């Protein structure tokens, strides 16, 4: 395949790179069209499709979904300070949390939003953590971990159950998964009899509109 860019494609490619480097976010199709003098975003689309096909950019279909591919690594996970993170939906009991069936879509998130690099985003169901601002439908950023410290908010399963998001407390063989909701009681886990699996640690939040 000929991956060499035409003069017009090179112009579009350079404009995307310049916009990202200057603004720290990708351009919308409308912004890019105006910058390059196209009559409409539709006039731009054939050039974007060519850049995707030739491996210079990726387009995830979001309003700011144009991303430059690092052609030496064939990846864009942290290019220009962005993370490529899967959104995990409802996780059924007994299924791996990152099973393909659980992935709703991929989001590209500016790394400046998190102090710790997350591995995925998990869509929250229920209101057990409302006292710390985690609402039903929100996306929480999760770093993979099999262990936790007292006081951390964890993503866990008890005896292979569905995933739950709670605050972690351990004393001896006893663990409490504590909700941040005054109307709910902690889940009590006796490690001598019960199986507790920790899938990850909460490291950030995106509102439900994301």
C-alpha atoms as a PDB file:
ATOM      1  CA  UNK A   1       0.000   0.000   0.000  1.00  0.00           C
ATOM      2  CA  UNK A   2       1.258   3.513  -0.878  1.00  0.00           C
ATOM      3  CA  UNK A   3       1.292   5.416   2.427  1.00  0.00           C
ATOM      4  CA  UNK A   4       2.759   8.584   0.946  1.00  0.00           C
ATOM      5  CA  UNK A   5       0.546  11.607   1.509  1.00  0.00           C
ATOM      6  CA  UNK A   6      -0.705  13.891  -1.230  1.00  0.00           C
ATOM      7  CA  UNK A   7      -0.096  17.621  -0.839  1.00  0.00           C
ATOM      8  CA  UNK A   8      -3.674  18.125   0.365  1.00  0.00           C
ATOM      9  CA  UNK A   9      -3.492  15.234   2.834  1.00  0.00           C
ATOM     10  CA  UNK A  10      -0.192  16.556   4.191  1.00  0.00           C
ATOM     11  CA  UNK A  11      -1.844  19.941   4.755  1.00  0.00           C
ATOM     12  CA  UNK A  12      -4.724  18.367   6.711  1.00  0.00           C
ATOM     13  CA  UNK A  13      -2.366  16.154   8.702  1.00  0.00           C
ATOM     14  CA  UNK A  14      -0.138  19.102   9.646  1.00  0.00           C
ATOM     15  CA  UNK A  15      -3.157  21.185  10.657  1.00  0.00           C
ATOM     16  CA  UNK A  16      -4.373  18.443  13.025  1.00  0.00           C
ATOM     17  CA  UNK A  17      -0.910  18.113  14.617  1.00  0.00           C
ATOM     18  CA  UNK A  18      -0.561  21.876  15.021  1.00  0.00           C
ATOM     19  CA  UNK A  19      -4.018  22.220  16.587  1.00  0.00           C
ATOM     20  CA  UNK A  20      -3.364  19.437  19.117  1.00  0.00           C
ATOM     21  CA  UNK A  21       0.069  20.771  20.040  1.00  0.00           C
ATOM     22  CA  UNK A  22      -1.329  24.281  20.513  1.00  0.00           C
ATOM     23  CA  UNK A  23      -4.652  23.547  22.228  1.00  0.00           C
ATOM     24  CA  UNK A  24      -3.886  20.190  23.923  1.00  0.00           C
ATOM     25  CA  UNK A  25      -7.139  18.770  22.507  1.00  0.00           C
ATOM     26  CA  UNK A  26      -8.027  17.478  19.016  1.00  0.00           C
ATOM     27  CA  UNK A  27      -9.919  19.786  16.626  1.00  0.00           C
ATOM     28  CA  UNK A  28     -13.523  19.247  15.657  1.00  0.00           C
ATOM     29  CA  UNK A  29     -14.204  18.686  11.980  1.00  0.00           C
ATOM     30  CA  UNK A  30     -15.826  22.145  11.807  1.00  0.00           C
ATOM     31  CA  UNK A  31     -12.803  23.856  13.392  1.00  0.00           C
ATOM     32  CA  UNK A  32     -10.457  22.050  11.037  1.00  0.00           C
ATOM     33  CA  UNK A  33     -12.601  22.878   7.990  1.00  0.00           C
ATOM     34  CA  UNK A  34     -12.636  26.586   8.834  1.00  0.00           C
ATOM     35  CA  UNK A  35      -8.887  26.617   9.467  1.00  0.00           C
ATOM     36  CA  UNK A  36      -8.171  24.996   6.102  1.00  0.00           C
ATOM     37  CA  UNK A  37     -10.772  26.937   4.130  1.00  0.00           C
ATOM     38  CA  UNK A  38     -13.084  24.036   3.284  1.00  0.00           C
ATOM     39  CA  UNK A  39     -16.698  24.969   2.556  1.00  0.00           C
ATOM     40  CA  UNK A  40     -17.996  22.326   4.990  1.00  0.00           C
ATOM     41  CA  UNK A  41     -16.766  19.424   7.153  1.00  0.00           C
ATOM     42  CA  UNK A  42     -18.034  17.055   4.458  1.00  0.00           C
ATOM     43  CA  UNK A  43     -15.424  18.412   2.038  1.00  0.00           C
ATOM     44  CA  UNK A  44     -12.793  17.430   4.595  1.00  0.00           C
ATOM     45  CA  UNK A  45     -14.027  13.881   5.151  1.00  0.00           C
ATOM     46  CA  UNK A  46     -12.360  12.226   2.153  1.00  0.00           C
ATOM     47  CA  UNK A  47      -8.966  13.496   3.309  1.00  0.00           C
ATOM     48  CA  UNK A  48      -9.576  12.287   6.864  1.00  0.00           C
ATOM     49  CA  UNK A  49     -10.569   8.853   5.577  1.00  0.00           C
ATOM     50  CA  UNK A  50      -7.355   8.681   3.545  1.00  0.00           C
ATOM     51  CA  UNK A  51      -5.257   9.647   6.575  1.00  0.00           C
ATOM     52  CA  UNK A  52      -6.972   6.927   8.630  1.00  0.00           C
ATOM     53  CA  UNK A  53      -6.474   4.337   5.871  1.00  0.00           C
ATOM     54  CA  UNK A  54      -2.781   5.226   5.548  1.00  0.00           C
ATOM     55  CA  UNK A  55      -2.262   4.964   9.319  1.00  0.00           C
ATOM     56  CA  UNK A  56      -1.509   8.619  10.095  1.00  0.00           C
ATOM     57  CA  UNK A  57      -4.541   9.363  12.271  1.00  0.00           C
ATOM     58  CA  UNK A  58      -7.403   7.636  14.033  1.00  0.00           C
ATOM     59  CA  UNK A  59     -10.962   8.876  14.147  1.00  0.00           C
ATOM     60  CA  UNK A  60     -13.173   7.500  16.922  1.00  0.00           C
ATOM     61  CA  UNK A  61     -16.306   9.292  15.707  1.00  0.00           C
ATOM     62  CA  UNK A  62     -16.531  11.644  18.709  1.00  0.00           C
ATOM     63  CA  UNK A  63     -16.729  15.452  18.187  1.00  0.00           C
ATOM     64  CA  UNK A  64     -13.033  15.694  19.124  1.00  0.00           C
ATOM     65  CA  UNK A  65     -12.118  12.240  17.941  1.00  0.00           C
ATOM     66  CA  UNK A  66      -9.190  12.960  15.593  1.00  0.00           C
ATOM     67  CA  UNK A  67      -5.885  11.661  16.963  1.00  0.00           C
ATOM     68  CA  UNK A  68      -2.376  11.456  15.568  1.00  0.00           C
ATOM     69  CA  UNK A  69      -0.863   7.956  15.481  1.00  0.00           C
ATOM     70  CA  UNK A  70       2.716   7.518  16.677  1.00  0.00           C
ATOM     71  CA  UNK A  71       3.960   5.734  13.553  1.00  0.00           C
ATOM     72  CA  UNK A  72       7.077   4.393  15.285  1.00  0.00           C
ATOM     73  CA  UNK A  73       5.019   2.615  17.955  1.00  0.00           C
ATOM     74  CA  UNK A  74       1.764   2.195  15.981  1.00  0.00           C
ATOM     75  CA  UNK A  75      -0.067   3.444  19.043  1.00  0.00           C
ATOM     76  CA  UNK A  76      -1.711   6.600  20.316  1.00  0.00           C
ATOM     77  CA  UNK A  77      -2.370   5.699  23.925  1.00  0.00           C
ATOM     78  CA  UNK A  78      -0.449   8.578  25.463  1.00  0.00           C
ATOM     79  CA  UNK A  79       0.298  10.719  22.390  1.00  0.00           C
ATOM     80  CA  UNK A  80      -0.077  14.413  23.153  1.00  0.00           C
ATOM     81  CA  UNK A  81      -1.027  13.593  26.747  1.00  0.00           C
ATOM     82  CA  UNK A  82      -4.109  11.529  25.962  1.00  0.00           C
ATOM     83  CA  UNK A  83      -5.076   8.119  27.318  1.00  0.00           C
ATOM     84  CA  UNK A  84      -7.033   5.565  25.322  1.00  0.00           C
ATOM     85  CA  UNK A  85      -9.412   3.981  27.840  1.00  0.00           C
ATOM     86  CA  UNK A  86     -12.191   1.400  27.410  1.00  0.00           C
ATOM     87  CA  UNK A  87     -15.538   2.134  29.031  1.00  0.00           C
ATOM     88  CA  UNK A  88     -16.695  -0.971  30.878  1.00  0.00           C
ATOM     89  CA  UNK A  89     -20.446  -1.362  31.237  1.00  0.00           C
ATOM     90  CA  UNK A  90     -22.398  -3.720  33.476  1.00  0.00           C
ATOM     91  CA  UNK A  91     -20.227  -6.652  34.541  1.00  0.00           C
ATOM     92  CA  UNK A  92     -22.073  -9.912  35.160  1.00  0.00           C
ATOM     93  CA  UNK A  93     -21.155 -12.256  38.005  1.00  0.00           C
ATOM     94  CA  UNK A  94     -18.256 -14.532  37.142  1.00  0.00           C
ATOM     95  CA  UNK A  95     -17.136 -12.602  34.032  1.00  0.00           C
ATOM     96  CA  UNK A  96     -13.736 -10.905  33.735  1.00  0.00           C
ATOM     97  CA  UNK A  97     -14.207  -7.165  34.149  1.00  0.00           C
ATOM     98  CA  UNK A  98     -12.444  -6.348  30.860  1.00  0.00           C
ATOM     99  CA  UNK A  99     -14.125  -9.047  28.790  1.00  0.00           C
ATOM    100  CA  UNK A 100     -14.845  -7.809  25.276  1.00  0.00           C
ATOM    101  CA  UNK A 101     -18.582  -8.178  25.879  1.00  0.00           C
ATOM    102  CA  UNK A 102     -18.399  -5.599  28.687  1.00  0.00           C
ATOM    103  CA  UNK A 103     -16.676  -2.847  26.675  1.00  0.00           C
ATOM    104  CA  UNK A 104     -19.140  -0.166  25.543  1.00  0.00           C
ATOM    105  CA  UNK A 105     -16.673   1.981  23.600  1.00  0.00           C
ATOM    106  CA  UNK A 106     -13.242   3.609  23.752  1.00  0.00           C
ATOM    107  CA  UNK A 107     -12.695   7.152  25.039  1.00  0.00           C
ATOM    108  CA  UNK A 108      -9.654   9.400  24.646  1.00  0.00           C
ATOM    109  CA  UNK A 109      -9.075  11.348  27.847  1.00  0.00           C
ATOM    110  CA  UNK A 110      -6.520  14.066  28.578  1.00  0.00           C
ATOM    111  CA  UNK A 111      -4.023  12.662  31.067  1.00  0.00           C
ATOM    112  CA  UNK A 112      -4.071  15.923  33.061  1.00  0.00           C
ATOM    113  CA  UNK A 113      -7.467  14.874  34.442  1.00  0.00           C
ATOM    114  CA  UNK A 114      -5.886  12.171  36.621  1.00  0.00           C
ATOM    115  CA  UNK A 115      -3.044  12.122  39.145  1.00  0.00           C
ATOM    116  CA  UNK A 116      -2.656   8.367  38.559  1.00  0.00           C
ATOM    117  CA  UNK A 117      -2.909   6.691  35.153  1.00  0.00           C
ATOM    118  CA  UNK A 118      -6.119   4.628  34.985  1.00  0.00           C
ATOM    119  CA  UNK A 119      -6.483   1.389  33.043  1.00  0.00           C
ATOM    120  CA  UNK A 120     -10.187   1.657  32.246  1.00  0.00           C
ATOM    121  CA  UNK A 121     -13.418   3.536  32.943  1.00  0.00           C
ATOM    122  CA  UNK A 122     -16.265   1.778  34.744  1.00  0.00           C
ATOM    123  CA  UNK A 123     -19.884   2.904  34.471  1.00  0.00           C
ATOM    124  CA  UNK A 124     -21.415   3.092  37.947  1.00  0.00           C
ATOM    125  CA  UNK A 125     -24.815   1.568  38.687  1.00  0.00           C
ATOM    126  CA  UNK A 126     -26.697   2.637  41.809  1.00  0.00           C
ATOM    127  CA  UNK A 127     -26.306   5.315  44.478  1.00  0.00           C
ATOM    128  CA  UNK A 128     -24.206   3.601  47.158  1.00  0.00           C
ATOM    129  CA  UNK A 129     -21.382   6.194  46.856  1.00  0.00           C
ATOM    130  CA  UNK A 130     -23.335   9.444  46.577  1.00  0.00           C
ATOM    131  CA  UNK A 131     -21.737  10.986  49.689  1.00  0.00           C
ATOM    132  CA  UNK A 132     -18.423  11.216  47.828  1.00  0.00           C
ATOM    133  CA  UNK A 133     -20.046  12.533  44.662  1.00  0.00           C
ATOM    134  CA  UNK A 134     -20.183   9.280  42.687  1.00  0.00           C
ATOM    135  CA  UNK A 135     -23.635   9.164  41.102  1.00  0.00           C
ATOM    136  CA  UNK A 136     -25.593   6.562  39.174  1.00  0.00           C
ATOM    137  CA  UNK A 137     -24.338   6.487  35.577  1.00  0.00           C
ATOM    138  CA  UNK A 138     -21.029   8.239  36.284  1.00  0.00           C
ATOM    139  CA  UNK A 139     -17.786   6.937  34.833  1.00  0.00           C
ATOM    140  CA  UNK A 140     -15.095   6.198  37.391  1.00  0.00           C
ATOM    141  CA  UNK A 141     -11.446   5.839  36.409  1.00  0.00           C
ATOM    142  CA  UNK A 142      -9.902   2.614  37.718  1.00  0.00           C
ATOM    143  CA  UNK A 143      -6.317   1.474  38.111  1.00  0.00           C
ATOM    144  CA  UNK A 144      -5.909  -2.301  38.086  1.00  0.00           C
ATOM    145  CA  UNK A 145      -4.894  -3.728  41.453  1.00  0.00           C
ATOM    146  CA  UNK A 146      -5.441  -6.946  43.388  1.00  0.00           C
ATOM    147  CA  UNK A 147      -4.682  -5.321  46.742  1.00  0.00           C
ATOM    148  CA  UNK A 148      -5.941  -2.244  48.578  1.00  0.00           C
ATOM    149  CA  UNK A 149      -5.193  -0.113  51.628  1.00  0.00           C
ATOM    150  CA  UNK A 150      -7.717   0.815  54.282  1.00  0.00           C
ATOM    151  CA  UNK A 151      -9.749   3.834  53.235  1.00  0.00           C
ATOM    152  CA  UNK A 152      -9.347   3.376  49.477  1.00  0.00           C
ATOM    153  CA  UNK A 153     -12.380   3.085  47.207  1.00  0.00           C
ATOM    154  CA  UNK A 154     -12.197  -0.271  45.498  1.00  0.00           C
ATOM    155  CA  UNK A 155     -13.859  -2.211  42.710  1.00  0.00           C
ATOM    156  CA  UNK A 156     -14.529  -5.625  44.222  1.00  0.00           C
ATOM    157  CA  UNK A 157     -16.530  -8.854  44.072  1.00  0.00           C
ATOM    158  CA  UNK A 158     -17.654 -11.072  46.916  1.00  0.00           C
ATOM    159  CA  UNK A 159     -17.926 -14.798  46.159  1.00  0.00           C
ATOM    160  CA  UNK A 160     -17.917 -14.124  42.414  1.00  0.00           C
ATOM    161  CA  UNK A 161     -20.811 -11.672  42.555  1.00  0.00           C
ATOM    162  CA  UNK A 162     -21.348  -8.641  40.329  1.00  0.00           C
ATOM    163  CA  UNK A 163     -18.830  -5.823  40.674  1.00  0.00           C
ATOM    164  CA  UNK A 164     -19.394  -3.400  43.547  1.00  0.00           C
ATOM    165  CA  UNK A 165     -17.755  -0.031  44.266  1.00  0.00           C
ATOM    166  CA  UNK A 166     -17.180   0.586  47.986  1.00  0.00           C
ATOM    167  CA  UNK A 167     -14.681   1.938  50.518  1.00  0.00           C
ATOM    168  CA  UNK A 168     -12.303  -0.749  51.806  1.00  0.00           C
ATOM    169  CA  UNK A 169     -11.546  -1.541  55.455  1.00  0.00           C
ATOM    170  CA  UNK A 170      -9.718  -4.627  56.725  1.00  0.00           C
ATOM    171  CA  UNK A 171      -9.006  -5.866  60.263  1.00  0.00           C
ATOM    172  CA  UNK A 172      -7.479  -9.330  60.560  1.00  0.00           C
ATOM    173  CA  UNK A 173      -9.565 -11.725  58.497  1.00  0.00           C
ATOM    174  CA  UNK A 174     -12.536  -9.356  58.372  1.00  0.00           C
ATOM    175  CA  UNK A 175     -13.185  -6.908  55.557  1.00  0.00           C
ATOM    176  CA  UNK A 176     -15.902  -4.290  55.341  1.00  0.00           C
ATOM    177  CA  UNK A 177     -16.963  -2.852  51.989  1.00  0.00           C
ATOM    178  CA  UNK A 178     -18.465   0.410  53.147  1.00  0.00           C
ATOM    179  CA  UNK A 179     -20.991   2.427  51.121  1.00  0.00           C
ATOM    180  CA  UNK A 180     -20.930   6.217  51.118  1.00  0.00           C
ATOM    181  CA  UNK A 181     -24.679   6.446  51.575  1.00  0.00           C
ATOM    182  CA  UNK A 182     -26.267   6.989  55.000  1.00  0.00           C
ATOM    183  CA  UNK A 183     -29.154   4.686  54.140  1.00  0.00           C
ATOM    184  CA  UNK A 184     -27.014   1.633  53.353  1.00  0.00           C
ATOM    185  CA  UNK A 185     -25.107  -0.894  55.449  1.00  0.00           C
ATOM    186  CA  UNK A 186     -21.563  -2.191  54.844  1.00  0.00           C
ATOM    187  CA  UNK A 187     -20.957  -5.545  53.184  1.00  0.00           C
ATOM    188  CA  UNK A 188     -19.192  -7.737  55.747  1.00  0.00           C
ATOM    189  CA  UNK A 189     -16.688 -10.270  54.389  1.00  0.00           C
ATOM    190  CA  UNK A 190     -15.053 -12.987  56.486  1.00  0.00           C
ATOM    191  CA  UNK A 191     -11.991 -14.055  54.533  1.00  0.00           C
ATOM    192  CA  UNK A 192     -11.914 -17.398  56.323  1.00  0.00           C
ATOM    193  CA  UNK A 193     -15.194 -18.312  54.648  1.00  0.00           C
ATOM    194  CA  UNK A 194     -15.773 -15.819  51.832  1.00  0.00           C
ATOM    195  CA  UNK A 195     -13.852 -15.043  48.656  1.00  0.00           C
ATOM    196  CA  UNK A 196     -13.025 -11.395  48.037  1.00  0.00           C
ATOM    197  CA  UNK A 197     -11.585 -10.318  44.676  1.00  0.00           C
ATOM    198  CA  UNK A 198     -10.349  -6.760  44.209  1.00  0.00           C
ATOM    199  CA  UNK A 199     -10.312  -5.683  40.563  1.00  0.00           C
ATOM    200  CA  UNK A 200      -8.989  -2.165  40.978  1.00  0.00           C
ATOM    201  CA  UNK A 201      -8.697   1.134  42.819  1.00  0.00           C
ATOM    202  CA  UNK A 202     -10.760   4.274  42.122  1.00  0.00           C
ATOM    203  CA  UNK A 203      -8.525   7.110  40.836  1.00  0.00           C
ATOM    204  CA  UNK A 204     -10.925   9.648  39.321  1.00  0.00           C
ATOM    205  CA  UNK A 205     -14.376  10.531  38.036  1.00  0.00           C
ATOM    206  CA  UNK A 206     -16.101  11.629  34.842  1.00  0.00           C
ATOM    207  CA  UNK A 207     -19.668  12.902  35.030  1.00  0.00           C
ATOM    208  CA  UNK A 208     -22.474  10.807  33.516  1.00  0.00           C
ATOM    209  CA  UNK A 209     -22.738  13.113  30.488  1.00  0.00           C
ATOM    210  CA  UNK A 210     -19.326  11.844  29.222  1.00  0.00           C
END
